[in-house]
Amino acid sequence: MKTLKKYGKTILIFLGILCFFSIILSLFNLFSILYTKGTNLFIFIVMILTLFFIGFTWGKKALKKGYLEGLKIGLCLIFLLIVINLLFYRTGFSIERIIYYCVLILSSVLGSMIGINKKH
C-alpha cells in the first residue's frame, strides 16, 4: 500500500506538470509566440527534465540499485504517456516515437543513478 501511494503521488505530480505545460504551450500557440518546431522542442526538453528530476528524487530515496528505481518509474510514466497518446491522438507507433520514449526512460534512469550517488 505504501508503494502504491508513492507511485500515485509521483503520477499525480507528473500529470500536474504535464497539464501546466500544456496550458502554457496553448497560450504560446494562441499568441503565436512559439511555432510547431519550437513547441515540439520545448515539450521534449520539459519531458526529459521532468523525468530526470522524478528519477533523481526516486534515486535519493532508494536503498540500492538506483537504476532499477529509475527504470521502474520511467516505465510506469511512459506507459501512462502511451495510454494518453492512444486515447487522445489514436496514433500508432513509429520509430521516432519509440526512440522518444527510450530517451525519456534513459533520462529517468540517469536521474535515479545520479540521485542515489547524491545521498547525504
PDB file of N, CA and C in Angstrom:
ATOM      1  N   MET A   1       0.821  -1.189   0.000  1.00  0.00           N
ATOM      2  CA  MET A   1       0.000   0.000   0.000  1.00  0.00           C
ATOM      3  C   MET A   1       0.870   1.260   0.000  1.00  0.00           C
ATOM      4  N   LYS A   2       1.984   1.178   0.743  1.00  0.00           N
ATOM      5  CA  LYS A   2       2.880   2.322   0.810  1.00  0.00           C
ATOM      6  C   LYS A   2       3.507   2.605  -0.549  1.00  0.00           C
ATOM      7  N   THR A   3       3.881   1.533  -1.275  1.00  0.00           N
ATOM      8  CA  THR A   3       4.471   1.684  -2.601  1.00  0.00           C
ATOM      9  C   THR A   3       3.454   2.243  -3.583  1.00  0.00           C
ATOM     10  N   LEU A   4       2.222   1.767  -3.487  1.00  0.00           N
ATOM     11  CA  LEU A   4       1.166   2.261  -4.364  1.00  0.00           C
ATOM     12  C   LEU A   4       0.915   3.748  -4.129  1.00  0.00           C
ATOM     13  N   LYS A   5       0.968   4.160  -2.894  1.00  0.00           N
ATOM     14  CA  LYS A   5       0.787   5.565  -2.553  1.00  0.00           C
ATOM     15  C   LYS A   5       1.934   6.403  -3.121  1.00  0.00           C
ATOM     16  N   LYS A   6       3.147   5.860  -3.060  1.00  0.00           N
ATOM     17  CA  LYS A   6       4.317   6.551  -3.590  1.00  0.00           C
ATOM     18  C   LYS A   6       4.216   6.701  -5.110  1.00  0.00           C
ATOM     19  N   TYR A   7       3.797   5.635  -5.786  1.00  0.00           N
ATOM     20  CA  TYR A   7       3.610   5.706  -7.241  1.00  0.00           C
ATOM     21  C   TYR A   7       2.485   6.677  -7.599  1.00  0.00           C
ATOM     22  N   GLY A   8       1.398   6.629  -6.853  1.00  0.00           N
ATOM     23  CA  GLY A   8       0.278   7.519  -7.121  1.00  0.00           C
ATOM     24  C   GLY A   8       0.659   8.979  -6.967  1.00  0.00           C
ATOM     25  N   LYS A   9       1.422   9.287  -5.947  1.00  0.00           N
ATOM     26  CA  LYS A   9       1.870  10.655  -5.720  1.00  0.00           C
ATOM     27  C   LYS A   9       2.759  11.129  -6.865  1.00  0.00           C
ATOM     28  N   THR A  10       3.666  10.259  -7.305  1.00  0.00           N
ATOM     29  CA  THR A  10       4.553  10.607  -8.414  1.00  0.00           C
ATOM     30  C   THR A  10       3.767  10.802  -9.707  1.00  0.00           C
ATOM     31  N   ILE A  11       2.801   9.957  -9.947  1.00  0.00           N
ATOM     32  CA  ILE A  11       1.988  10.080 -11.157  1.00  0.00           C
ATOM     33  C   ILE A  11       1.173  11.373 -11.130  1.00  0.00           C
ATOM     34  N   LEU A  12       0.637  11.733  -9.985  1.00  0.00           N
ATOM     35  CA  LEU A  12      -0.110  12.991  -9.879  1.00  0.00           C
ATOM     36  C   LEU A  12       0.793  14.197 -10.114  1.00  0.00           C
ATOM     37  N   ILE A  13       1.998  14.158  -9.579  1.00  0.00           N
ATOM     38  CA  ILE A  13       2.953  15.252  -9.831  1.00  0.00           C
ATOM     39  C   ILE A  13       3.276  15.329 -11.315  1.00  0.00           C
ATOM     40  N   PHE A  14       3.513  14.188 -11.931  1.00  0.00           N
ATOM     41  CA  PHE A  14       3.822  14.139 -13.358  1.00  0.00           C
ATOM     42  C   PHE A  14       2.665  14.688 -14.190  1.00  0.00           C
ATOM     43  N   LEU A  15       1.446  14.267 -13.873  1.00  0.00           N
ATOM     44  CA  LEU A  15       0.280  14.763 -14.618  1.00  0.00           C
ATOM     45  C   LEU A  15       0.060  16.251 -14.384  1.00  0.00           C
ATOM     46  N   GLY A  16       0.347  16.719 -13.179  1.00  0.00           N
ATOM     47  CA  GLY A  16       0.230  18.150 -12.892  1.00  0.00           C
ATOM     48  C   GLY A  16       1.195  18.966 -13.718  1.00  0.00           C
ATOM     49  N   ILE A  17       2.443  18.517 -13.795  1.00  0.00           N
ATOM     50  CA  ILE A  17       3.443  19.204 -14.615  1.00  0.00           C
ATOM     51  C   ILE A  17       3.042  19.153 -16.078  1.00  0.00           C
ATOM     52  N   LEU A  18       2.545  18.014 -16.525  1.00  0.00           N
ATOM     53  CA  LEU A  18       2.105  17.859 -17.902  1.00  0.00           C
ATOM     54  C   LEU A  18       0.954  18.815 -18.234  1.00  0.00           C
ATOM     55  N   CYS A  19      -0.019  18.916 -17.345  1.00  0.00           N
ATOM     56  CA  CYS A  19      -1.154  19.830 -17.561  1.00  0.00           C
ATOM     57  C   CYS A  19      -0.704  21.291 -17.539  1.00  0.00           C
ATOM     58  N   PHE A  20       0.181  21.637 -16.598  1.00  0.00           N
ATOM     59  CA  PHE A  20       0.665  23.012 -16.501  1.00  0.00           C
ATOM     60  C   PHE A  20       1.360  23.436 -17.793  1.00  0.00           C
ATOM     61  N   PHE A  21       2.261  22.609 -18.284  1.00  0.00           N
ATOM     62  CA  PHE A  21       2.969  22.968 -19.501  1.00  0.00           C
ATOM     63  C   PHE A  21       2.082  22.875 -20.736  1.00  0.00           C
ATOM     64  N   SER A  22       1.045  22.076 -20.703  1.00  0.00           N
ATOM     65  CA  SER A  22       0.079  22.065 -21.807  1.00  0.00           C
ATOM     66  C   SER A  22      -0.659  23.397 -21.882  1.00  0.00           C
ATOM     67  N   ILE A  23      -1.021  23.927 -20.740  1.00  0.00           N
ATOM     68  CA  ILE A  23      -1.686  25.240 -20.708  1.00  0.00           C
ATOM     69  C   ILE A  23      -0.742  26.330 -21.188  1.00  0.00           C
ATOM     70  N   ILE A  24       0.505  26.290 -20.723  1.00  0.00           N
ATOM     71  CA  ILE A  24       1.497  27.286 -21.143  1.00  0.00           C
ATOM     72  C   ILE A  24       1.715  27.220 -22.656  1.00  0.00           C
ATOM     73  N   LEU A  25       1.851  26.013 -23.196  1.00  0.00           N
ATOM     74  CA  LEU A  25       2.065  25.872 -24.632  1.00  0.00           C
ATOM     75  C   LEU A  25       0.840  26.293 -25.437  1.00  0.00           C
ATOM     76  N   SER A  26      -0.338  26.049 -24.890  1.00  0.00           N
ATOM     77  CA  SER A  26      -1.554  26.506 -25.570  1.00  0.00           C
ATOM     78  C   SER A  26      -1.592  28.026 -25.641  1.00  0.00           C
ATOM     79  N   LEU A  27      -1.179  28.675 -24.576  1.00  0.00           N
ATOM     80  CA  LEU A  27      -1.120  30.141 -24.587  1.00  0.00           C
ATOM     81  C   LEU A  27      -0.067  30.650 -25.559  1.00  0.00           C
ATOM     82  N   PHE A  28       1.091  29.974 -25.606  1.00  0.00           N
ATOM     83  CA  PHE A  28       2.119  30.367 -26.561  1.00  0.00           C
ATOM     84  C   PHE A  28       1.618  30.234 -27.993  1.00  0.00           C
ATOM     85  N   ASN A  29       0.896  29.156 -28.285  1.00  0.00           N
ATOM     86  CA  ASN A  29       0.342  28.973 -29.637  1.00  0.00           C
ATOM     87  C   ASN A  29      -0.760  29.974 -29.926  1.00  0.00           C
ATOM     88  N   LEU A  30      -1.538  30.311 -28.912  1.00  0.00           N
ATOM     89  CA  LEU A  30      -2.618  31.281 -29.100  1.00  0.00           C
ATOM     90  C   LEU A  30      -2.084  32.645 -29.502  1.00  0.00           C
ATOM     91  N   PHE A  31      -1.007  33.053 -28.871  1.00  0.00           N
ATOM     92  CA  PHE A  31      -0.417  34.355 -29.159  1.00  0.00           C
ATOM     93  C   PHE A  31       0.720  34.275 -30.172  1.00  0.00           C
ATOM     94  N   SER A  32       0.890  33.141 -30.822  1.00  0.00           N
ATOM     95  CA  SER A  32       1.898  32.916 -31.863  1.00  0.00           C
ATOM     96  C   SER A  32       3.309  33.229 -31.381  1.00  0.00           C
ATOM     97  N   ILE A  33       3.618  32.846 -30.166  1.00  0.00           N
ATOM     98  CA  ILE A  33       4.968  33.037 -29.634  1.00  0.00           C
ATOM     99  C   ILE A  33       5.875  31.905 -30.099  1.00  0.00           C
ATOM    100  N   LEU A  34       5.374  30.690 -30.032  1.00  0.00           N
ATOM    101  CA  LEU A  34       6.124  29.520 -30.499  1.00  0.00           C
ATOM    102  C   LEU A  34       5.384  28.888 -31.673  1.00  0.00           C
ATOM    103  N   TYR A  35       6.154  28.301 -32.557  1.00  0.00           N
ATOM    104  CA  TYR A  35       5.562  27.580 -33.662  1.00  0.00           C
ATOM    105  C   TYR A  35       5.787  26.091 -33.459  1.00  0.00           C
ATOM    106  N   THR A  36       5.392  25.280 -34.407  1.00  0.00           N
ATOM    107  CA  THR A  36       5.381  23.830 -34.235  1.00  0.00           C
ATOM    108  C   THR A  36       6.735  23.264 -33.834  1.00  0.00           C
ATOM    109  N   LYS A  37       7.797  23.640 -34.524  1.00  0.00           N
ATOM    110  CA  LYS A  37       9.118  23.091 -34.188  1.00  0.00           C
ATOM    111  C   LYS A  37       9.564  23.555 -32.804  1.00  0.00           C
ATOM    112  N   GLY A  38       9.315  24.791 -32.465  1.00  0.00           N
ATOM    113  CA  GLY A  38       9.672  25.297 -31.146  1.00  0.00           C
ATOM    114  C   GLY A  38       8.860  24.634 -30.051  1.00  0.00           C
ATOM    115  N   THR A  39       7.589  24.395 -30.330  1.00  0.00           N
ATOM    116  CA  THR A  39       6.731  23.733 -29.361  1.00  0.00           C
ATOM    117  C   THR A  39       7.189  22.297 -29.130  1.00  0.00           C
ATOM    118  N   ASN A  40       7.497  21.580 -30.198  1.00  0.00           N
ATOM    119  CA  ASN A  40       7.955  20.198 -30.067  1.00  0.00           C
ATOM    120  C   ASN A  40       9.269  20.111 -29.292  1.00  0.00           C
ATOM    121  N   LEU A  41      10.187  21.028 -29.566  1.00  0.00           N
ATOM    122  CA  LEU A  41      11.454  21.046 -28.850  1.00  0.00           C
ATOM    123  C   LEU A  41      11.239  21.371 -27.368  1.00  0.00           C
ATOM    124  N   PHE A  42      10.367  22.324 -27.093  1.00  0.00           N
ATOM    125  CA  PHE A  42      10.058  22.702 -25.710  1.00  0.00           C
ATOM    126  C   PHE A  42       9.447  21.529 -24.948  1.00  0.00           C
ATOM    127  N   ILE A  43       8.518  20.824 -25.570  1.00  0.00           N
ATOM    128  CA  ILE A  43       7.896  19.653 -24.942  1.00  0.00           C
ATOM    129  C   ILE A  43       8.947  18.580 -24.668  1.00  0.00           C
ATOM    130  N   PHE A  44       9.816  18.342 -25.623  1.00  0.00           N
ATOM    131  CA  PHE A  44      10.856  17.321 -25.462  1.00  0.00           C
ATOM    132  C   PHE A  44      11.787  17.655 -24.301  1.00  0.00           C
ATOM    133  N   ILE A  45      12.234  18.885 -24.218  1.00  0.00           N
ATOM    134  CA  ILE A  45      13.135  19.298 -23.138  1.00  0.00           C
ATOM    135  C   ILE A  45      12.441  19.227 -21.790  1.00  0.00           C
ATOM    136  N   VAL A  46      11.191  19.683 -21.722  1.00  0.00           N
ATOM    137  CA  VAL A  46      10.451  19.633 -20.454  1.00  0.00           C
ATOM    138  C   VAL A  46      10.230  18.194 -20.011  1.00  0.00           C
ATOM    139  N   MET A  47       9.914  17.307 -20.927  1.00  0.00           N
ATOM    140  CA  MET A  47       9.693  15.906 -20.569  1.00  0.00           C
ATOM    141  C   MET A  47      10.987  15.257 -20.084  1.00  0.00           C
ATOM    142  N   ILE A  48      12.095  15.540 -20.742  1.00  0.00           N
ATOM    143  CA  ILE A  48      13.381  14.988 -20.304  1.00  0.00           C
ATOM    144  C   ILE A  48      13.711  15.479 -18.898  1.00  0.00           C
ATOM    145  N   LEU A  49      13.575  16.786 -18.672  1.00  0.00           N
ATOM    146  CA  LEU A  49      13.894  17.336 -17.353  1.00  0.00           C
ATOM    147  C   LEU A  49      12.948  16.816 -16.276  1.00  0.00           C
ATOM    148  N   THR A  50      11.677  16.693 -16.597  1.00  0.00           N
ATOM    149  CA  THR A  50      10.709  16.189 -15.622  1.00  0.00           C
ATOM    150  C   THR A  50      11.037  14.756 -15.222  1.00  0.00           C
ATOM    151  N   LEU A  51      11.272  13.898 -16.187  1.00  0.00           N
ATOM    152  CA  LEU A  51      11.598  12.511 -15.866  1.00  0.00           C
ATOM    153  C   LEU A  51      12.957  12.391 -15.187  1.00  0.00           C
ATOM    154  N   PHE A  52      13.892  13.270 -15.528  1.00  0.00           N
ATOM    155  CA  PHE A  52      15.178  13.257 -14.858  1.00  0.00           C
ATOM    156  C   PHE A  52      15.005  13.590 -13.372  1.00  0.00           C
ATOM    157  N   PHE A  53      14.252  14.629 -13.063  1.00  0.00           N
ATOM    158  CA  PHE A  53      14.083  15.027 -11.664  1.00  0.00           C
ATOM    159  C   PHE A  53      13.230  14.036 -10.880  1.00  0.00           C
ATOM    160  N   ILE A  54      12.259  13.431 -11.529  1.00  0.00           N
ATOM    161  CA  ILE A  54      11.491  12.376 -10.852  1.00  0.00           C
ATOM    162  C   ILE A  54      12.395  11.188 -10.561  1.00  0.00           C
ATOM    163  N   GLY A  55      13.217  10.798 -11.528  1.00  0.00           N
ATOM    164  CA  GLY A  55      14.181   9.721 -11.304  1.00  0.00           C
ATOM    165  C   GLY A  55      15.191  10.088 -10.235  1.00  0.00           C
ATOM    166  N   PHE A  56      15.612  11.347 -10.208  1.00  0.00           N
ATOM    167  CA  PHE A  56      16.560  11.818  -9.205  1.00  0.00           C
ATOM    168  C   PHE A  56      15.983  11.687  -7.801  1.00  0.00           C
ATOM    169  N   THR A  57      14.734  12.107  -7.620  1.00  0.00           N
ATOM    170  CA  THR A  57      14.128  12.009  -6.290  1.00  0.00           C
ATOM    171  C   THR A  57      13.905  10.554  -5.889  1.00  0.00           C
ATOM    172  N   TRP A  58      13.543   9.706  -6.836  1.00  0.00           N
ATOM    173  CA  TRP A  58      13.385   8.286  -6.517  1.00  0.00           C
ATOM    174  C   TRP A  58      14.734   7.654  -6.212  1.00  0.00           C
ATOM    175  N   GLY A  59      15.770   8.090  -6.892  1.00  0.00           N
ATOM    176  CA  GLY A  59      17.107   7.568  -6.633  1.00  0.00           C
ATOM    177  C   GLY A  59      17.620   7.963  -5.259  1.00  0.00           C
ATOM    178  N   LYS A  60      17.294   9.175  -4.826  1.00  0.00           N
ATOM    179  CA  LYS A  60      17.722   9.607  -3.494  1.00  0.00           C
ATOM    180  C   LYS A  60      17.041   8.803  -2.395  1.00  0.00           C
ATOM    181  N   LYS A  61      15.843   8.317  -2.666  1.00  0.00           N
ATOM    182  CA  LYS A  61      15.103   7.542  -1.667  1.00  0.00           C
ATOM    183  C   LYS A  61      15.427   6.053  -1.726  1.00  0.00           C
ATOM    184  N   ALA A  62      16.075   5.620  -2.801  1.00  0.00           N
ATOM    185  CA  ALA A  62      16.369   4.196  -2.981  1.00  0.00           C
ATOM    186  C   ALA A  62      17.494   3.759  -2.049  1.00  0.00           C
ATOM    187  N   LEU A  63      17.427   2.517  -1.638  1.00  0.00           N
ATOM    188  CA  LEU A  63      18.471   1.961  -0.783  1.00  0.00           C
ATOM    189  C   LEU A  63      19.629   1.402  -1.602  1.00  0.00           C
ATOM    190  N   LYS A  64      19.320   0.794  -2.733  1.00  0.00           N
ATOM    191  CA  LYS A  64      20.347   0.257  -3.624  1.00  0.00           C
ATOM    192  C   LYS A  64      19.776   0.162  -5.033  1.00  0.00           C
ATOM    193  N   LYS A  65      20.662  -0.007  -5.991  1.00  0.00           N
ATOM    194  CA  LYS A  65      20.286  -0.159  -7.404  1.00  0.00           C
ATOM    195  C   LYS A  65      19.352   0.950  -7.883  1.00  0.00           C
ATOM    196  N   GLY A  66      19.877   2.150  -7.909  1.00  0.00           N
ATOM    197  CA  GLY A  66      19.101   3.308  -8.327  1.00  0.00           C
ATOM    198  C   GLY A  66      18.609   3.215  -9.753  1.00  0.00           C
ATOM    199  N   TYR A  67      19.386   2.552 -10.601  1.00  0.00           N
ATOM    200  CA  TYR A  67      18.965   2.441 -11.995  1.00  0.00           C
ATOM    201  C   TYR A  67      17.668   1.647 -12.130  1.00  0.00           C
ATOM    202  N   LEU A  68      17.453   0.666 -11.252  1.00  0.00           N
ATOM    203  CA  LEU A  68      16.201  -0.093 -11.304  1.00  0.00           C
ATOM    204  C   LEU A  68      15.012   0.759 -10.869  1.00  0.00           C
ATOM    205  N   GLU A  69      15.234   1.611  -9.855  1.00  0.00           N
ATOM    206  CA  GLU A  69      14.167   2.513  -9.417  1.00  0.00           C
ATOM    207  C   GLU A  69      13.801   3.475 -10.544  1.00  0.00           C
ATOM    208  N   GLY A  70      14.813   4.015 -11.210  1.00  0.00           N
ATOM    209  CA  GLY A  70      14.564   4.913 -12.338  1.00  0.00           C
ATOM    210  C   GLY A  70      13.879   4.202 -13.482  1.00  0.00           C
ATOM    211  N   LEU A  71      14.267   2.974 -13.732  1.00  0.00           N
ATOM    212  CA  LEU A  71      13.650   2.196 -14.797  1.00  0.00           C
ATOM    213  C   LEU A  71      12.190   1.898 -14.475  1.00  0.00           C
ATOM    214  N   LYS A  72      11.915   1.542 -13.231  1.00  0.00           N
ATOM    215  CA  LYS A  72      10.523   1.240 -12.837  1.00  0.00           C
ATOM    216  C   LYS A  72       9.624   2.466 -12.990  1.00  0.00           C
ATOM    217  N   ILE A  73      10.053   3.592 -12.434  1.00  0.00           N
ATOM    218  CA  ILE A  73       9.201   4.788 -12.508  1.00  0.00           C
ATOM    219  C   ILE A  73       9.150   5.322 -13.938  1.00  0.00           C
ATOM    220  N   GLY A  74      10.263   5.206 -14.669  1.00  0.00           N
ATOM    221  CA  GLY A  74      10.263   5.641 -16.063  1.00  0.00           C
ATOM    222  C   GLY A  74       9.307   4.829 -16.913  1.00  0.00           C
ATOM    223  N   LEU A  75       9.319   3.508 -16.745  1.00  0.00           N
ATOM    224  CA  LEU A  75       8.401   2.649 -17.496  1.00  0.00           C
ATOM    225  C   LEU A  75       6.952   2.907 -17.113  1.00  0.00           C
ATOM    226  N   CYS A  76       6.712   3.153 -15.834  1.00  0.00           N
ATOM    227  CA  CYS A  76       5.354   3.444 -15.375  1.00  0.00           C
ATOM    228  C   CYS A  76       4.830   4.736 -16.020  1.00  0.00           C
ATOM    229  N   LEU A  77       5.657   5.774 -16.042  1.00  0.00           N
ATOM    230  CA  LEU A  77       5.228   7.050 -16.619  1.00  0.00           C
ATOM    231  C   LEU A  77       5.144   6.980 -18.144  1.00  0.00           C
ATOM    232  N   ILE A  78       6.015   6.218 -18.776  1.00  0.00           N
ATOM    233  CA  ILE A  78       5.942   6.056 -20.228  1.00  0.00           C
ATOM    234  C   ILE A  78       4.685   5.281 -20.611  1.00  0.00           C
ATOM    235  N   PHE A  79       4.341   4.272 -19.816  1.00  0.00           N
ATOM    236  CA  PHE A  79       3.101   3.545 -20.056  1.00  0.00           C
ATOM    237  C   PHE A  79       1.909   4.495 -19.970  1.00  0.00           C
ATOM    238  N   LEU A  80       1.929   5.399 -18.993  1.00  0.00           N
ATOM    239  CA  LEU A  80       0.865   6.398 -18.866  1.00  0.00           C
ATOM    240  C   LEU A  80       0.825   7.304 -20.099  1.00  0.00           C
ATOM    241  N   LEU A  81       1.988   7.724 -20.588  1.00  0.00           N
ATOM    242  CA  LEU A  81       2.036   8.556 -21.791  1.00  0.00           C
ATOM    243  C   LEU A  81       1.515   7.811 -23.017  1.00  0.00           C
ATOM    244  N   ILE A  82       1.833   6.533 -23.125  1.00  0.00           N
ATOM    245  CA  ILE A  82       1.345   5.737 -24.257  1.00  0.00           C
ATOM    246  C   ILE A  82      -0.171   5.623 -24.214  1.00  0.00           C
ATOM    247  N   VAL A  83      -0.723   5.386 -23.031  1.00  0.00           N
ATOM    248  CA  VAL A  83      -2.181   5.289 -22.896  1.00  0.00           C
ATOM    249  C   VAL A  83      -2.841   6.618 -23.266  1.00  0.00           C
ATOM    250  N   ILE A  84      -2.288   7.727 -22.783  1.00  0.00           N
ATOM    251  CA  ILE A  84      -2.838   9.046 -23.121  1.00  0.00           C
ATOM    252  C   ILE A  84      -2.740   9.281 -24.627  1.00  0.00           C
ATOM    253  N   ASN A  85      -1.612   8.920 -25.210  1.00  0.00           N
ATOM    254  CA  ASN A  85      -1.418   9.082 -26.647  1.00  0.00           C
ATOM    255  C   ASN A  85      -2.435   8.266 -27.440  1.00  0.00           C
ATOM    256  N   LEU A  86      -2.664   7.036 -27.039  1.00  0.00           N
ATOM    257  CA  LEU A  86      -3.611   6.190 -27.762  1.00  0.00           C
ATOM    258  C   LEU A  86      -5.053   6.653 -27.571  1.00  0.00           C
ATOM    259  N   LEU A  87      -5.382   7.176 -26.398  1.00  0.00           N
ATOM    260  CA  LEU A  87      -6.749   7.635 -26.140  1.00  0.00           C
ATOM    261  C   LEU A  87      -7.090   8.915 -26.884  1.00  0.00           C
ATOM    262  N   PHE A  88      -6.172   9.876 -26.879  1.00  0.00           N
ATOM    263  CA  PHE A  88      -6.495  11.185 -27.424  1.00  0.00           C
ATOM    264  C   PHE A  88      -6.056  11.383 -28.870  1.00  0.00           C
ATOM    265  N   TYR A  89      -4.945  10.794 -29.258  1.00  0.00           N
ATOM    266  CA  TYR A  89      -4.433  11.042 -30.597  1.00  0.00           C
ATOM    267  C   TYR A  89      -4.614   9.875 -31.545  1.00  0.00           C
ATOM    268  N   ARG A  90      -4.791   8.689 -31.008  1.00  0.00           N
ATOM    269  CA  ARG A  90      -5.017   7.486 -31.789  1.00  0.00           C
ATOM    270  C   ARG A  90      -3.945   7.270 -32.866  1.00  0.00           C
ATOM    271  N   THR A  91      -2.722   7.608 -32.508  1.00  0.00           N
ATOM    272  CA  THR A  91      -1.624   7.372 -33.441  1.00  0.00           C
ATOM    273  C   THR A  91      -0.902   6.092 -33.061  1.00  0.00           C
ATOM    274  N   GLY A  92      -0.409   5.432 -34.040  1.00  0.00           N
ATOM    275  CA  GLY A  92       0.312   4.194 -33.799  1.00  0.00           C
ATOM    276  C   GLY A  92       1.748   4.457 -33.395  1.00  0.00           C
ATOM    277  N   PHE A  93       2.521   3.400 -33.390  1.00  0.00           N
ATOM    278  CA  PHE A  93       3.922   3.520 -33.028  1.00  0.00           C
ATOM    279  C   PHE A  93       4.759   3.689 -34.278  1.00  0.00           C
ATOM    280  N   SER A  94       5.682   4.605 -34.202  1.00  0.00           N
ATOM    281  CA  SER A  94       6.661   4.785 -35.268  1.00  0.00           C
ATOM    282  C   SER A  94       8.037   4.684 -34.630  1.00  0.00           C
ATOM    283  N   ILE A  95       9.052   4.610 -35.438  1.00  0.00           N
ATOM    284  CA  ILE A  95      10.401   4.502 -34.906  1.00  0.00           C
ATOM    285  C   ILE A  95      10.774   5.771 -34.137  1.00  0.00           C
ATOM    286  N   GLU A  96      10.292   6.922 -34.593  1.00  0.00           N
ATOM    287  CA  GLU A  96      10.570   8.181 -33.895  1.00  0.00           C
ATOM    288  C   GLU A  96       9.930   8.185 -32.512  1.00  0.00           C
ATOM    289  N   ARG A  97       8.722   7.672 -32.421  1.00  0.00           N
ATOM    290  CA  ARG A  97       8.007   7.632 -31.136  1.00  0.00           C
ATOM    291  C   ARG A  97       8.692   6.668 -30.167  1.00  0.00           C
ATOM    292  N   ILE A  98       9.171   5.547 -30.668  1.00  0.00           N
ATOM    293  CA  ILE A  98       9.863   4.572 -29.816  1.00  0.00           C
ATOM    294  C   ILE A  98      11.183   5.152 -29.318  1.00  0.00           C
ATOM    295  N   ILE A  99      11.918   5.854 -30.185  1.00  0.00           N
ATOM    296  CA  ILE A  99      13.159   6.499 -29.766  1.00  0.00           C
ATOM    297  C   ILE A  99      12.866   7.573 -28.722  1.00  0.00           C
ATOM    298  N   TYR A 100      11.799   8.324 -28.923  1.00  0.00           N
ATOM    299  CA  TYR A 100      11.382   9.362 -27.977  1.00  0.00           C
ATOM    300  C   TYR A 100      11.133   8.756 -26.596  1.00  0.00           C
ATOM    301  N   TYR A 101      10.397   7.657 -26.543  1.00  0.00           N
ATOM    302  CA  TYR A 101      10.119   7.011 -25.264  1.00  0.00           C
ATOM    303  C   TYR A 101      11.390   6.435 -24.640  1.00  0.00           C
ATOM    304  N   CYS A 102      12.282   5.888 -25.457  1.00  0.00           N
ATOM    305  CA  CYS A 102      13.543   5.349 -24.931  1.00  0.00           C
ATOM    306  C   CYS A 102      14.410   6.450 -24.329  1.00  0.00           C
ATOM    307  N   VAL A 103      14.453   7.619 -24.974  1.00  0.00           N
ATOM    308  CA  VAL A 103      15.217   8.737 -24.428  1.00  0.00           C
ATOM    309  C   VAL A 103      14.626   9.181 -23.090  1.00  0.00           C
ATOM    310  N   LEU A 104      13.309   9.200 -22.984  1.00  0.00           N
ATOM    311  CA  LEU A 104      12.673   9.582 -21.726  1.00  0.00           C
ATOM    312  C   LEU A 104      12.975   8.573 -20.618  1.00  0.00           C
ATOM    313  N   ILE A 105      12.952   7.293 -20.946  1.00  0.00           N
ATOM    314  CA  ILE A 105      13.278   6.269 -19.952  1.00  0.00           C
ATOM    315  C   ILE A 105      14.739   6.397 -19.524  1.00  0.00           C
ATOM    316  N   LEU A 106      15.638   6.621 -20.475  1.00  0.00           N
ATOM    317  CA  LEU A 106      17.049   6.797 -20.139  1.00  0.00           C
ATOM    318  C   LEU A 106      17.261   8.029 -19.256  1.00  0.00           C
ATOM    319  N   SER A 107      16.486   9.060 -19.486  1.00  0.00           N
ATOM    320  CA  SER A 107      16.570  10.248 -18.648  1.00  0.00           C
ATOM    321  C   SER A 107      16.191   9.928 -17.208  1.00  0.00           C
ATOM    322  N   SER A 108      15.148   9.149 -17.029  1.00  0.00           N
ATOM    323  CA  SER A 108      14.724   8.748 -15.696  1.00  0.00           C
ATOM    324  C   SER A 108      15.773   7.862 -15.020  1.00  0.00           C
ATOM    325  N   VAL A 109      16.331   6.934 -15.769  1.00  0.00           N
ATOM    326  CA  VAL A 109      17.357   6.039 -15.221  1.00  0.00           C
ATOM    327  C   VAL A 109      18.609   6.836 -14.839  1.00  0.00           C
ATOM    328  N   LEU A 110      19.018   7.743 -15.694  1.00  0.00           N
ATOM    329  CA  LEU A 110      20.190   8.566 -15.401  1.00  0.00           C
ATOM    330  C   LEU A 110      19.948   9.430 -14.165  1.00  0.00           C
ATOM    331  N   GLY A 111      18.754  10.001 -14.063  1.00  0.00           N
ATOM    332  CA  GLY A 111      18.415  10.799 -12.880  1.00  0.00           C
ATOM    333  C   GLY A 111      18.470   9.992 -11.594  1.00  0.00           C
ATOM    334  N   SER A 112      17.977   8.774 -11.632  1.00  0.00           N
ATOM    335  CA  SER A 112      17.998   7.952 -10.421  1.00  0.00           C
ATOM    336  C   SER A 112      19.408   7.479 -10.084  1.00  0.00           C
ATOM    337  N   MET A 113      20.235   7.241 -11.109  1.00  0.00           N
ATOM    338  CA  MET A 113      21.614   6.847 -10.847  1.00  0.00           C
ATOM    339  C   MET A 113      22.392   7.997 -10.209  1.00  0.00           C
ATOM    340  N   ILE A 114      22.145   9.210 -10.645  1.00  0.00           N
ATOM    341  CA  ILE A 114      22.795  10.365 -10.036  1.00  0.00           C
ATOM    342  C   ILE A 114      22.216  10.604  -8.640  1.00  0.00           C
ATOM    343  N   GLY A 115      20.907  10.406  -8.504  1.00  0.00           N
ATOM    344  CA  GLY A 115      20.254  10.629  -7.211  1.00  0.00           C
ATOM    345  C   GLY A 115      20.747   9.701  -6.119  1.00  0.00           C
ATOM    346  N   ILE A 116      20.987   8.447  -6.449  1.00  0.00           N
ATOM    347  CA  ILE A 116      21.444   7.502  -5.427  1.00  0.00           C
ATOM    348  C   ILE A 116      22.881   7.831  -4.996  1.00  0.00           C
ATOM    349  N   ASN A 117      23.637   8.461  -5.869  1.00  0.00           N
ATOM    350  CA  ASN A 117      25.005   8.858  -5.516  1.00  0.00           C
ATOM    351  C   ASN A 117      25.064  10.183  -4.780  1.00  0.00           C
ATOM    352  N   LYS A 118      23.989  10.944  -4.767  1.00  0.00           N
ATOM    353  CA  LYS A 118      23.956  12.245  -4.100  1.00  0.00           C
ATOM    354  C   LYS A 118      23.291  12.176  -2.726  1.00  0.00           C
ATOM    355  N   LYS A 119      23.171  11.002  -2.169  1.00  0.00           N
ATOM    356  CA  LYS A 119      22.592  10.873  -0.834  1.00  0.00           C
ATOM    357  C   LYS A 119      23.507  11.526   0.184  1.00  0.00           C
ATOM    358  N   HIS A 120      22.899  12.096   1.197  1.00  0.00           N
ATOM    359  CA  HIS A 120      23.704  12.715   2.264  1.00  0.00           C
ATOM    360  C   HIS A 120      23.802  11.774   3.432  1.00  0.00           C
TER     361      HIS A 120
END
